[in-house]
N, C-alpha and C. Protein backbone atom coordinates (compact mmCIF):
# COMPACT_ATOMS: atom_id res chain seq x y z
N MET A 1 96.55 92.74 91.56
CA MET A 1 97.52 93.07 92.60
C MET A 1 98.54 94.09 92.06
N THR A 2 99.05 94.91 92.91
CA THR A 2 100.06 95.87 92.52
C THR A 2 101.43 95.21 92.57
N ALA A 3 102.13 95.20 91.48
CA ALA A 3 103.41 94.51 91.43
C ALA A 3 104.44 95.20 92.30
N GLY A 4 105.01 94.48 93.24
CA GLY A 4 106.11 95.00 94.02
C GLY A 4 105.74 95.95 95.12
N HIS A 5 104.44 96.10 95.43
CA HIS A 5 104.03 97.04 96.46
C HIS A 5 102.98 96.40 97.36
N GLU A 6 102.93 96.86 98.62
CA GLU A 6 101.98 96.34 99.57
C GLU A 6 100.58 96.80 99.22
N GLU A 7 99.58 96.04 99.65
CA GLU A 7 98.20 96.47 99.47
C GLU A 7 97.89 97.62 100.43
N ALA A 8 96.97 98.49 100.03
CA ALA A 8 96.54 99.56 100.90
C ALA A 8 95.65 99.00 101.99
N THR A 9 95.61 99.71 103.10
CA THR A 9 94.77 99.29 104.21
C THR A 9 93.52 100.16 104.24
N GLY A 10 92.47 99.67 104.90
CA GLY A 10 91.25 100.45 104.99
C GLY A 10 90.67 100.72 103.62
N ALA A 11 90.26 101.97 103.39
CA ALA A 11 89.67 102.36 102.12
C ALA A 11 90.78 102.72 101.12
N ASN A 12 91.66 101.75 100.85
CA ASN A 12 92.78 101.95 99.94
C ASN A 12 93.70 103.09 100.36
N ILE A 13 93.87 103.27 101.66
CA ILE A 13 94.79 104.28 102.17
C ILE A 13 95.94 103.60 102.89
N ILE A 14 97.14 103.96 102.50
CA ILE A 14 98.35 103.46 103.15
C ILE A 14 98.83 104.55 104.11
N PRO A 15 98.85 104.28 105.42
CA PRO A 15 99.32 105.30 106.37
C PRO A 15 100.84 105.40 106.38
N LEU A 16 101.33 106.61 106.30
CA LEU A 16 102.77 106.88 106.35
C LEU A 16 103.03 107.89 107.46
N THR A 17 104.29 107.98 107.88
CA THR A 17 104.66 108.92 108.92
C THR A 17 105.80 109.80 108.44
N HIS A 18 105.66 111.11 108.63
CA HIS A 18 106.73 112.06 108.38
C HIS A 18 106.85 112.92 109.63
N GLY A 19 107.87 112.66 110.45
CA GLY A 19 108.00 113.35 111.72
C GLY A 19 106.79 113.08 112.59
N LYS A 20 106.10 114.14 112.99
CA LYS A 20 104.89 114.00 113.80
C LYS A 20 103.63 113.96 112.94
N SER A 21 103.80 114.03 111.63
CA SER A 21 102.64 114.03 110.73
C SER A 21 102.27 112.61 110.32
N SER A 22 100.97 112.36 110.27
CA SER A 22 100.45 111.11 109.72
C SER A 22 99.92 111.41 108.32
N LEU A 23 100.46 110.73 107.33
CA LEU A 23 100.15 111.01 105.94
C LEU A 23 99.27 109.92 105.35
N ALA A 24 98.42 110.30 104.41
CA ALA A 24 97.54 109.36 103.72
C ALA A 24 98.01 109.21 102.28
N LEU A 25 98.50 108.02 101.96
CA LEU A 25 98.88 107.68 100.59
C LEU A 25 97.77 106.81 100.01
N HIS A 26 97.09 107.32 99.00
CA HIS A 26 95.93 106.63 98.44
C HIS A 26 96.34 105.77 97.25
N LEU A 27 95.93 104.52 97.26
CA LEU A 27 96.06 103.67 96.08
C LEU A 27 94.80 103.86 95.24
N LEU A 28 94.94 104.52 94.10
CA LEU A 28 93.79 104.82 93.26
C LEU A 28 93.49 103.70 92.27
N ARG A 29 94.54 103.00 91.85
CA ARG A 29 94.36 101.89 90.92
C ARG A 29 95.59 101.01 90.95
N GLU A 30 95.37 99.71 90.95
CA GLU A 30 96.48 98.78 90.89
C GLU A 30 96.99 98.66 89.46
N GLY A 31 98.18 98.10 89.31
CA GLY A 31 98.75 97.95 87.98
C GLY A 31 100.12 97.33 88.07
N TRP A 32 100.75 97.18 86.92
CA TRP A 32 102.08 96.57 86.84
C TRP A 32 103.08 97.58 86.32
N GLY A 33 104.22 97.65 86.97
CA GLY A 33 105.26 98.56 86.52
C GLY A 33 105.44 99.72 87.48
N ARG A 34 106.06 100.78 86.96
CA ARG A 34 106.40 101.92 87.80
C ARG A 34 105.14 102.69 88.20
N PRO A 35 105.05 103.09 89.47
CA PRO A 35 103.88 103.87 89.90
C PRO A 35 103.89 105.30 89.37
N LEU A 36 102.70 105.83 89.21
CA LEU A 36 102.48 107.25 88.96
C LEU A 36 101.95 107.85 90.26
N LEU A 37 102.61 108.89 90.75
CA LEU A 37 102.21 109.53 92.00
C LEU A 37 101.63 110.90 91.69
N LEU A 38 100.40 111.14 92.14
CA LEU A 38 99.71 112.41 91.92
C LEU A 38 99.84 113.30 93.15
N LEU A 39 100.26 114.55 92.92
CA LEU A 39 100.36 115.54 93.99
C LEU A 39 99.36 116.66 93.70
N HIS A 40 98.48 116.93 94.65
CA HIS A 40 97.36 117.85 94.43
C HIS A 40 97.76 119.31 94.63
N GLY A 41 96.82 120.19 94.33
CA GLY A 41 97.04 121.62 94.48
C GLY A 41 96.74 122.11 95.89
N LEU A 42 97.00 123.39 96.13
CA LEU A 42 96.76 124.00 97.43
C LEU A 42 95.28 123.93 97.79
N GLY A 43 94.99 123.42 98.98
CA GLY A 43 93.62 123.34 99.45
C GLY A 43 92.85 122.15 98.92
N GLU A 44 93.48 121.36 98.05
CA GLU A 44 92.81 120.20 97.48
C GLU A 44 93.18 118.93 98.24
N ARG A 45 92.79 117.80 97.69
CA ARG A 45 93.14 116.51 98.24
C ARG A 45 93.22 115.52 97.08
N THR A 46 93.69 114.32 97.36
CA THR A 46 93.76 113.30 96.32
C THR A 46 92.37 113.02 95.77
N PRO A 47 92.23 112.94 94.45
CA PRO A 47 90.90 112.67 93.88
C PRO A 47 90.40 111.29 94.25
N VAL A 48 89.09 111.13 94.21
CA VAL A 48 88.48 109.81 94.42
C VAL A 48 88.44 109.13 93.05
N GLY A 49 89.14 108.06 92.91
CA GLY A 49 89.22 107.40 91.61
C GLY A 49 90.28 108.03 90.73
N VAL A 50 90.48 107.47 89.56
CA VAL A 50 91.53 107.91 88.64
C VAL A 50 90.94 108.90 87.63
N PRO A 51 91.42 110.13 87.61
CA PRO A 51 90.97 111.07 86.57
C PRO A 51 91.24 110.51 85.18
N ALA A 52 90.36 110.84 84.24
CA ALA A 52 90.41 110.24 82.91
C ALA A 52 91.75 110.42 82.21
N GLN A 53 92.41 111.55 82.45
CA GLN A 53 93.66 111.81 81.74
C GLN A 53 94.78 110.84 82.12
N PHE A 54 94.63 110.17 83.27
CA PHE A 54 95.66 109.24 83.71
C PHE A 54 95.34 107.77 83.40
N GLU A 55 94.19 107.52 82.82
CA GLU A 55 93.79 106.14 82.53
C GLU A 55 94.79 105.38 81.66
N PRO A 56 95.47 106.03 80.69
CA PRO A 56 96.40 105.28 79.85
C PRO A 56 97.62 104.73 80.60
N TRP A 57 97.91 105.26 81.78
CA TRP A 57 99.09 104.79 82.52
C TRP A 57 98.88 103.35 82.96
N GLU A 58 99.81 102.47 82.62
CA GLU A 58 99.62 101.04 82.88
C GLU A 58 100.02 100.63 84.29
N GLY A 59 100.87 101.39 84.92
CA GLY A 59 101.32 101.05 86.27
C GLY A 59 100.30 101.45 87.32
N PRO A 60 100.60 101.14 88.58
CA PRO A 60 99.71 101.57 89.66
C PRO A 60 99.70 103.09 89.78
N ILE A 61 98.59 103.63 90.27
CA ILE A 61 98.45 105.07 90.42
C ILE A 61 98.13 105.38 91.88
N TYR A 62 98.93 106.27 92.46
CA TYR A 62 98.77 106.67 93.85
C TYR A 62 98.56 108.18 93.93
N GLY A 63 98.00 108.63 95.03
CA GLY A 63 97.90 110.05 95.32
C GLY A 63 98.25 110.28 96.77
N LEU A 64 99.01 111.33 97.04
CA LEU A 64 99.42 111.66 98.40
C LEU A 64 98.70 112.91 98.88
N ASP A 65 98.06 112.83 100.05
CA ASP A 65 97.54 114.03 100.71
C ASP A 65 98.67 114.70 101.48
N PHE A 66 98.98 115.95 101.14
CA PHE A 66 100.00 116.67 101.89
C PHE A 66 99.56 116.88 103.34
N THR A 67 100.51 117.13 104.21
CA THR A 67 100.20 117.52 105.58
C THR A 67 99.21 118.69 105.56
N GLY A 68 98.16 118.60 106.39
CA GLY A 68 97.16 119.65 106.45
C GLY A 68 96.11 119.58 105.37
N HIS A 69 96.13 118.51 104.57
CA HIS A 69 95.18 118.34 103.47
C HIS A 69 94.58 116.94 103.51
N GLY A 70 93.36 116.84 102.97
CA GLY A 70 92.74 115.54 102.80
C GLY A 70 92.66 114.73 104.08
N SER A 71 93.16 113.49 104.03
CA SER A 71 93.11 112.59 105.17
C SER A 71 94.40 112.58 105.97
N SER A 72 95.32 113.48 105.66
CA SER A 72 96.55 113.60 106.44
C SER A 72 96.30 114.49 107.65
N SER A 73 97.23 114.46 108.60
CA SER A 73 97.04 115.17 109.87
C SER A 73 97.40 116.64 109.76
N LEU A 74 97.01 117.42 110.77
CA LEU A 74 97.29 118.84 110.84
C LEU A 74 98.29 119.10 111.95
N PRO A 75 99.34 119.88 111.69
CA PRO A 75 100.24 120.28 112.77
C PRO A 75 99.56 121.34 113.64
N VAL A 76 100.08 121.56 114.81
CA VAL A 76 99.53 122.58 115.70
C VAL A 76 100.17 123.93 115.37
N GLY A 77 99.35 124.89 114.97
CA GLY A 77 99.86 126.25 114.76
C GLY A 77 100.52 126.50 113.44
N GLY A 78 100.33 125.63 112.47
CA GLY A 78 100.86 125.89 111.14
C GLY A 78 102.35 125.63 111.02
N GLY A 79 103.05 126.53 110.32
CA GLY A 79 104.48 126.34 110.06
C GLY A 79 104.73 125.62 108.74
N TYR A 80 103.88 125.88 107.74
CA TYR A 80 103.98 125.19 106.46
C TYR A 80 105.00 125.84 105.53
N THR A 81 105.78 125.02 104.84
CA THR A 81 106.63 125.46 103.74
C THR A 81 106.58 124.40 102.65
N ALA A 82 106.97 124.78 101.45
CA ALA A 82 107.02 123.81 100.36
C ALA A 82 108.03 122.71 100.67
N GLU A 83 109.09 123.04 101.40
CA GLU A 83 110.11 122.05 101.73
C GLU A 83 109.57 121.00 102.70
N ILE A 84 108.67 121.39 103.58
CA ILE A 84 108.03 120.40 104.47
C ILE A 84 107.18 119.44 103.65
N LEU A 85 106.47 119.97 102.67
CA LEU A 85 105.66 119.10 101.81
C LEU A 85 106.55 118.21 100.95
N MET A 86 107.72 118.72 100.56
CA MET A 86 108.67 117.89 99.83
C MET A 86 109.08 116.68 100.68
N ALA A 87 109.25 116.90 101.97
CA ALA A 87 109.59 115.79 102.86
C ALA A 87 108.43 114.81 103.00
N ASP A 88 107.18 115.30 102.89
CA ASP A 88 106.03 114.39 102.83
C ASP A 88 106.19 113.43 101.64
N VAL A 89 106.55 114.00 100.49
CA VAL A 89 106.69 113.17 99.29
C VAL A 89 107.87 112.21 99.44
N ASP A 90 108.91 112.66 100.10
CA ASP A 90 110.05 111.78 100.35
C ASP A 90 109.62 110.55 101.13
N ALA A 91 108.71 110.72 102.09
CA ALA A 91 108.18 109.57 102.84
C ALA A 91 107.42 108.63 101.91
N ALA A 92 106.69 109.18 100.95
CA ALA A 92 105.97 108.34 99.99
C ALA A 92 106.94 107.58 99.10
N LEU A 93 108.04 108.23 98.69
CA LEU A 93 109.03 107.55 97.85
C LEU A 93 109.71 106.43 98.63
N GLY A 94 109.85 106.62 99.94
CA GLY A 94 110.41 105.55 100.75
C GLY A 94 109.57 104.30 100.72
N HIS A 95 108.27 104.46 100.50
CA HIS A 95 107.36 103.31 100.39
C HIS A 95 107.28 102.78 98.97
N LEU A 96 107.22 103.70 98.00
CA LEU A 96 106.94 103.30 96.62
C LEU A 96 108.18 102.95 95.81
N GLY A 97 109.32 103.55 96.14
CA GLY A 97 110.50 103.37 95.30
C GLY A 97 110.47 104.35 94.13
N LYS A 98 110.96 103.94 92.98
CA LYS A 98 111.03 104.82 91.80
C LYS A 98 109.62 105.11 91.28
N VAL A 99 109.36 106.37 90.99
CA VAL A 99 108.03 106.79 90.53
C VAL A 99 108.15 107.84 89.44
N THR A 100 107.07 108.03 88.71
CA THR A 100 106.86 109.22 87.89
C THR A 100 105.85 110.08 88.64
N ILE A 101 106.05 111.40 88.64
CA ILE A 101 105.20 112.29 89.45
C ILE A 101 104.47 113.28 88.54
N HIS A 102 103.17 113.43 88.80
CA HIS A 102 102.37 114.50 88.22
C HIS A 102 102.00 115.45 89.35
N GLY A 103 102.42 116.70 89.23
CA GLY A 103 102.11 117.70 90.25
C GLY A 103 101.20 118.78 89.70
N ARG A 104 100.19 119.12 90.47
CA ARG A 104 99.18 120.11 90.06
C ARG A 104 99.28 121.33 90.97
N GLY A 105 99.48 122.51 90.41
CA GLY A 105 99.53 123.72 91.22
C GLY A 105 100.67 123.68 92.22
N LEU A 106 100.34 123.83 93.49
CA LEU A 106 101.35 123.70 94.55
C LEU A 106 102.09 122.38 94.41
N GLY A 107 101.37 121.33 94.05
CA GLY A 107 101.99 120.02 93.87
C GLY A 107 103.04 120.01 92.77
N ALA A 108 102.89 120.89 91.76
CA ALA A 108 103.90 120.98 90.70
C ALA A 108 105.21 121.52 91.26
N TYR A 109 105.12 122.56 92.08
CA TYR A 109 106.33 123.13 92.67
C TYR A 109 107.00 122.12 93.59
N VAL A 110 106.20 121.44 94.42
CA VAL A 110 106.76 120.42 95.31
C VAL A 110 107.36 119.27 94.51
N ALA A 111 106.71 118.92 93.40
CA ALA A 111 107.24 117.85 92.55
C ALA A 111 108.62 118.21 92.00
N LEU A 112 108.80 119.46 91.61
CA LEU A 112 110.10 119.89 91.12
C LEU A 112 111.16 119.77 92.21
N LEU A 113 110.81 120.18 93.44
CA LEU A 113 111.76 120.11 94.54
C LEU A 113 112.18 118.67 94.84
N ILE A 114 111.21 117.76 94.92
CA ILE A 114 111.56 116.38 95.26
C ILE A 114 112.32 115.71 94.12
N ALA A 115 112.01 116.09 92.87
CA ALA A 115 112.76 115.54 91.74
C ALA A 115 114.21 115.98 91.78
N GLY A 116 114.45 117.20 92.25
CA GLY A 116 115.82 117.67 92.40
C GLY A 116 116.54 117.02 93.56
N ALA A 117 115.79 116.73 94.62
CA ALA A 117 116.38 116.09 95.80
C ALA A 117 116.58 114.59 95.61
N ARG A 118 115.72 113.96 94.80
CA ARG A 118 115.79 112.51 94.57
C ARG A 118 115.78 112.22 93.06
N PRO A 119 116.77 112.73 92.31
CA PRO A 119 116.70 112.66 90.85
C PRO A 119 116.79 111.25 90.27
N THR A 120 117.38 110.31 90.98
CA THR A 120 117.44 108.95 90.45
C THR A 120 116.20 108.15 90.78
N ASP A 121 115.38 108.63 91.71
CA ASP A 121 114.16 107.92 92.09
C ASP A 121 112.92 108.48 91.41
N VAL A 122 112.99 109.72 90.93
CA VAL A 122 111.86 110.33 90.22
C VAL A 122 112.12 110.18 88.73
N ARG A 123 111.40 109.29 88.10
CA ARG A 123 111.59 108.98 86.68
C ARG A 123 110.61 109.80 85.84
N GLY A 124 110.86 111.08 85.84
CA GLY A 124 110.01 112.00 85.10
C GLY A 124 109.05 112.74 86.00
N VAL A 125 108.94 114.06 85.79
CA VAL A 125 108.03 114.89 86.57
C VAL A 125 107.24 115.76 85.61
N ILE A 126 105.92 115.79 85.83
CA ILE A 126 105.00 116.56 84.98
C ILE A 126 104.44 117.71 85.81
N LEU A 127 104.64 118.93 85.35
CA LEU A 127 104.17 120.12 86.07
C LEU A 127 102.92 120.65 85.39
N ALA A 128 101.82 120.73 86.14
CA ALA A 128 100.52 121.10 85.57
C ALA A 128 99.89 122.25 86.34
N ASP A 129 98.94 122.93 85.69
CA ASP A 129 98.22 124.04 86.32
C ASP A 129 97.40 123.56 87.50
N GLY A 130 97.15 124.48 88.45
CA GLY A 130 96.30 124.17 89.59
C GLY A 130 96.49 125.20 90.70
N PRO A 131 95.68 125.11 91.75
CA PRO A 131 95.77 126.08 92.85
C PRO A 131 97.14 126.07 93.51
N GLY A 132 97.67 127.26 93.75
CA GLY A 132 98.95 127.37 94.44
C GLY A 132 100.15 127.32 93.53
N LEU A 133 99.96 127.39 92.21
CA LEU A 133 101.09 127.33 91.29
C LEU A 133 101.97 128.56 91.41
N VAL A 134 101.35 129.73 91.59
CA VAL A 134 102.10 130.99 91.61
C VAL A 134 102.83 131.17 92.93
N GLY A 135 102.20 130.83 94.05
CA GLY A 135 102.81 131.04 95.35
C GLY A 135 102.83 132.51 95.71
N GLY A 136 103.81 132.90 96.49
CA GLY A 136 103.87 134.27 96.99
C GLY A 136 104.80 135.18 96.22
N GLY A 137 105.15 134.81 94.99
CA GLY A 137 106.03 135.67 94.20
C GLY A 137 107.49 135.36 94.44
N ILE A 138 108.37 136.23 93.95
CA ILE A 138 109.81 135.94 93.97
C ILE A 138 110.54 136.59 95.13
N ARG A 139 109.87 137.49 95.88
CA ARG A 139 110.53 138.16 97.00
C ARG A 139 109.62 138.13 98.22
N PRO A 140 110.21 138.12 99.41
CA PRO A 140 109.38 138.14 100.63
C PRO A 140 108.51 139.39 100.66
N GLY A 141 107.26 139.22 101.13
CA GLY A 141 106.37 140.36 101.30
C GLY A 141 106.49 140.94 102.70
N SER A 142 105.52 141.73 103.08
CA SER A 142 105.52 142.32 104.42
C SER A 142 105.31 141.24 105.47
N PRO A 143 106.03 141.30 106.58
CA PRO A 143 105.80 140.32 107.65
C PRO A 143 104.36 140.39 108.12
N HIS A 144 103.78 139.24 108.43
CA HIS A 144 102.40 139.23 108.87
C HIS A 144 102.17 138.01 109.75
N VAL A 145 101.18 138.12 110.58
CA VAL A 145 100.74 136.99 111.38
C VAL A 145 99.45 136.47 110.76
N PRO A 146 99.41 135.19 110.33
CA PRO A 146 98.19 134.69 109.69
C PRO A 146 96.97 134.83 110.59
N VAL A 147 95.90 135.37 110.05
CA VAL A 147 94.64 135.48 110.77
C VAL A 147 93.73 134.38 110.25
N VAL A 148 93.52 133.36 111.07
CA VAL A 148 92.71 132.22 110.64
C VAL A 148 91.65 131.94 111.70
N ASP A 149 90.67 131.18 111.31
CA ASP A 149 89.60 130.78 112.21
C ASP A 149 90.07 129.55 113.00
N ALA A 150 90.57 129.78 114.21
CA ALA A 150 91.13 128.70 115.01
C ALA A 150 90.07 127.71 115.48
N SER A 151 88.79 128.10 115.38
CA SER A 151 87.73 127.20 115.82
C SER A 151 87.37 126.18 114.73
N ARG A 152 87.87 126.43 113.53
CA ARG A 152 87.56 125.53 112.42
C ARG A 152 88.44 124.29 112.49
N HIS A 153 87.83 123.13 112.37
CA HIS A 153 88.59 121.88 112.44
C HIS A 153 88.50 121.15 111.10
N GLY A 154 89.49 120.35 110.83
CA GLY A 154 89.50 119.56 109.61
C GLY A 154 90.37 120.18 108.54
N THR A 155 90.44 119.49 107.41
CA THR A 155 91.29 119.93 106.31
C THR A 155 90.43 120.51 105.18
N PRO A 156 91.00 121.42 104.36
CA PRO A 156 92.38 121.90 104.43
C PRO A 156 92.59 122.84 105.61
N ASP A 157 93.77 122.76 106.19
CA ASP A 157 94.12 123.58 107.33
C ASP A 157 94.18 125.06 106.92
N PRO A 158 93.46 125.95 107.62
CA PRO A 158 93.52 127.38 107.26
C PRO A 158 94.94 127.94 107.28
N TYR A 159 95.79 127.42 108.19
CA TYR A 159 97.18 127.87 108.22
C TYR A 159 97.90 127.48 106.93
N ALA A 160 97.61 126.29 106.41
CA ALA A 160 98.22 125.87 105.15
C ALA A 160 97.82 126.79 104.01
N LEU A 161 96.53 127.13 103.95
CA LEU A 161 96.05 128.02 102.89
C LEU A 161 96.72 129.39 102.97
N SER A 162 96.88 129.90 104.18
CA SER A 162 97.47 131.22 104.37
C SER A 162 98.97 131.21 104.09
N GLU A 163 99.67 130.26 104.67
CA GLU A 163 101.13 130.27 104.61
C GLU A 163 101.65 129.83 103.24
N LEU A 164 101.06 128.79 102.68
CA LEU A 164 101.57 128.28 101.41
C LEU A 164 101.20 129.17 100.23
N SER A 165 100.15 129.99 100.37
CA SER A 165 99.82 130.93 99.30
C SER A 165 100.81 132.09 99.27
N ARG A 166 101.63 132.24 100.33
CA ARG A 166 102.63 133.30 100.41
C ARG A 166 104.05 132.75 100.32
N ASP A 167 104.18 131.48 100.01
CA ASP A 167 105.49 130.83 99.93
C ASP A 167 106.32 131.48 98.82
N VAL A 168 107.50 131.99 99.17
CA VAL A 168 108.33 132.72 98.21
C VAL A 168 109.06 131.74 97.29
N ARG A 169 109.07 132.06 95.98
CA ARG A 169 109.66 131.14 94.99
C ARG A 169 110.60 131.88 94.05
N PRO A 170 111.81 132.17 94.49
CA PRO A 170 112.77 132.83 93.59
C PRO A 170 113.15 131.91 92.43
N PRO A 171 113.20 132.43 91.22
CA PRO A 171 113.57 131.59 90.08
C PRO A 171 114.91 130.90 90.23
N ASP A 172 115.92 131.60 90.80
CA ASP A 172 117.24 130.98 90.91
C ASP A 172 117.22 129.80 91.88
N TYR A 173 116.33 129.84 92.86
CA TYR A 173 116.19 128.70 93.78
C TYR A 173 115.59 127.50 93.05
N ALA A 174 114.55 127.74 92.25
CA ALA A 174 113.96 126.65 91.48
C ALA A 174 114.97 126.05 90.51
N LEU A 175 115.82 126.89 89.94
CA LEU A 175 116.79 126.40 88.96
C LEU A 175 117.84 125.51 89.59
N GLU A 176 118.13 125.72 90.86
CA GLU A 176 119.07 124.82 91.54
C GLU A 176 118.56 123.38 91.51
N PHE A 177 117.25 123.21 91.67
CA PHE A 177 116.66 121.87 91.64
C PHE A 177 116.62 121.33 90.22
N VAL A 178 116.33 122.21 89.26
CA VAL A 178 116.33 121.78 87.86
C VAL A 178 117.70 121.23 87.47
N ARG A 179 118.75 121.94 87.86
CA ARG A 179 120.11 121.52 87.47
C ARG A 179 120.52 120.24 88.17
N GLN A 180 120.02 120.05 89.39
CA GLN A 180 120.26 118.77 90.06
C GLN A 180 119.62 117.63 89.28
N ILE A 181 118.39 117.86 88.84
CA ILE A 181 117.68 116.84 88.07
C ILE A 181 118.43 116.54 86.77
N MET A 182 118.81 117.59 86.06
CA MET A 182 119.46 117.41 84.77
C MET A 182 120.81 116.72 84.90
N GLN A 183 121.50 116.96 85.99
CA GLN A 183 122.82 116.36 86.17
C GLN A 183 122.74 114.89 86.52
N TRP A 184 121.75 114.52 87.35
CA TRP A 184 121.76 113.17 87.92
C TRP A 184 120.68 112.25 87.39
N SER A 185 119.67 112.78 86.72
CA SER A 185 118.63 111.91 86.18
C SER A 185 119.18 111.04 85.06
N GLU A 186 118.66 109.83 84.95
CA GLU A 186 119.05 108.94 83.86
C GLU A 186 118.25 109.21 82.59
N LEU A 187 117.28 110.12 82.65
CA LEU A 187 116.46 110.46 81.49
C LEU A 187 117.04 111.68 80.78
N ASP A 188 116.90 111.71 79.46
CA ASP A 188 117.38 112.86 78.70
C ASP A 188 116.53 114.10 78.96
N SER A 189 115.22 113.91 79.11
CA SER A 189 114.30 115.03 79.34
C SER A 189 113.39 114.67 80.51
N PRO A 190 113.86 114.86 81.74
CA PRO A 190 113.10 114.40 82.90
C PRO A 190 112.01 115.35 83.38
N ILE A 191 111.94 116.57 82.83
CA ILE A 191 110.95 117.56 83.28
C ILE A 191 110.05 117.95 82.12
N ALA A 192 108.75 117.78 82.29
CA ALA A 192 107.77 118.17 81.28
C ALA A 192 106.84 119.23 81.88
N VAL A 193 106.73 120.37 81.23
CA VAL A 193 105.87 121.46 81.70
C VAL A 193 104.61 121.47 80.83
N ALA A 194 103.46 121.31 81.49
CA ALA A 194 102.18 121.22 80.78
C ALA A 194 101.23 122.35 81.21
N THR A 195 101.80 123.45 81.70
CA THR A 195 100.97 124.52 82.22
C THR A 195 100.68 125.59 81.17
N VAL A 196 99.56 126.28 81.38
CA VAL A 196 99.27 127.51 80.63
C VAL A 196 99.83 128.70 81.40
N VAL A 197 99.63 128.69 82.72
CA VAL A 197 100.14 129.76 83.59
C VAL A 197 101.64 129.55 83.78
N ARG A 198 102.41 130.64 83.66
CA ARG A 198 103.86 130.56 83.81
C ARG A 198 104.35 131.66 84.76
N PRO A 199 104.25 131.45 86.08
CA PRO A 199 104.85 132.42 87.00
C PRO A 199 106.36 132.48 86.79
N GLU A 200 107.00 133.44 87.40
CA GLU A 200 108.41 133.69 87.11
C GLU A 200 109.29 132.48 87.39
N TRP A 201 109.02 131.77 88.46
CA TRP A 201 109.86 130.60 88.75
C TRP A 201 109.72 129.54 87.67
N LEU A 202 108.50 129.37 87.14
CA LEU A 202 108.26 128.34 86.14
C LEU A 202 108.76 128.78 84.77
N ALA A 203 108.68 130.07 84.47
CA ALA A 203 109.24 130.57 83.21
C ALA A 203 110.74 130.32 83.17
N ALA A 204 111.40 130.48 84.30
CA ALA A 204 112.83 130.21 84.38
C ALA A 204 113.11 128.72 84.17
N VAL A 205 112.26 127.87 84.71
CA VAL A 205 112.42 126.43 84.53
C VAL A 205 112.29 126.06 83.06
N VAL A 206 111.27 126.58 82.39
CA VAL A 206 111.01 126.25 80.98
C VAL A 206 112.18 126.68 80.11
N ALA A 207 112.87 127.76 80.47
CA ALA A 207 113.97 128.28 79.67
C ALA A 207 115.24 127.44 79.78
N GLU A 208 115.29 126.53 80.74
CA GLU A 208 116.49 125.71 80.93
C GLU A 208 116.62 124.64 79.84
N PRO A 209 117.84 124.40 79.34
CA PRO A 209 118.04 123.34 78.35
C PRO A 209 117.62 121.97 78.89
N GLY A 210 116.91 121.23 78.07
CA GLY A 210 116.49 119.89 78.46
C GLY A 210 115.09 119.80 79.00
N VAL A 211 114.52 120.94 79.44
CA VAL A 211 113.13 120.96 79.90
C VAL A 211 112.23 121.01 78.68
N ILE A 212 111.19 120.16 78.66
CA ILE A 212 110.30 120.12 77.50
C ILE A 212 108.93 120.68 77.86
N GLU A 213 108.24 121.19 76.86
CA GLU A 213 106.85 121.61 76.99
C GLU A 213 106.01 120.57 76.27
N ALA A 214 105.01 120.03 76.97
CA ALA A 214 104.21 118.95 76.41
C ALA A 214 102.86 118.92 77.10
N THR A 215 101.90 118.28 76.47
CA THR A 215 100.63 118.02 77.14
C THR A 215 100.84 116.93 78.18
N VAL A 216 99.89 116.80 79.09
CA VAL A 216 99.98 115.73 80.08
C VAL A 216 100.01 114.37 79.39
N ALA A 217 99.18 114.20 78.37
CA ALA A 217 99.14 112.92 77.65
C ALA A 217 100.48 112.60 77.00
N GLU A 218 101.09 113.60 76.37
CA GLU A 218 102.40 113.39 75.74
C GLU A 218 103.46 113.05 76.78
N ALA A 219 103.43 113.74 77.91
CA ALA A 219 104.42 113.49 78.96
C ALA A 219 104.25 112.10 79.56
N LEU A 220 103.01 111.67 79.77
CA LEU A 220 102.77 110.33 80.31
C LEU A 220 103.32 109.26 79.37
N THR A 221 103.12 109.45 78.07
CA THR A 221 103.65 108.51 77.09
C THR A 221 105.17 108.48 77.11
N LEU A 222 105.77 109.66 77.18
CA LEU A 222 107.23 109.77 77.21
C LEU A 222 107.81 109.05 78.43
N PHE A 223 107.22 109.30 79.60
CA PHE A 223 107.79 108.74 80.82
C PHE A 223 107.42 107.27 81.02
N ALA A 224 106.31 106.85 80.45
CA ALA A 224 105.94 105.44 80.52
C ALA A 224 106.95 104.58 79.77
N ASP A 225 107.56 105.15 78.71
CA ASP A 225 108.53 104.41 77.91
C ASP A 225 109.93 104.46 78.49
N ALA A 226 110.14 105.32 79.51
CA ALA A 226 111.46 105.45 80.11
C ALA A 226 111.74 104.27 81.03
N ARG A 227 112.88 103.66 80.87
CA ARG A 227 113.24 102.49 81.68
C ARG A 227 114.29 102.84 82.70
């Protein structure tokens, strides 16, 4: 049994609601202690089963499908931003309570945002390589109307792939969230960067005092010991 948390329904999926979106929170493995929440990359979904690198984590392990991905619902006509996905994660935290987060690609950027917005509830965030890590650069590009195949149904939503791949990520904006985390987190080093790729926003994050560079395994050990 998962200590302190409800059992998943159906195929280990806990249904959550964020506005008009229906979200799928997957229970990948039960356990005791603080949950580990996995956030996937752009165009991906929560993995089936627990990836080997997370096996050492003793607590329960969950994965959240972002809006427009996996088993979560699709909005009509797009309108995706990283901040909307951050609110998806906020809905998951409302169910899970305090968590450690591993974010991959786009999920790494969203993980940083939610850790800044909820610094006392996110007990360590691990930023890892994956699709959507770079985003749309540091400045807005030319205005455009996404051209997608409207006849295509299911996830990943073509609007999500188009809009989130162009999501602008100024370094100074990312640093606002880093400083929120550093000011209010109870951990000395609450942000671990495990990426090889370092877009400008992430290079700025790494340069901030208190941010550590570590492997995923090292970061999991560090945050597992954090009380």
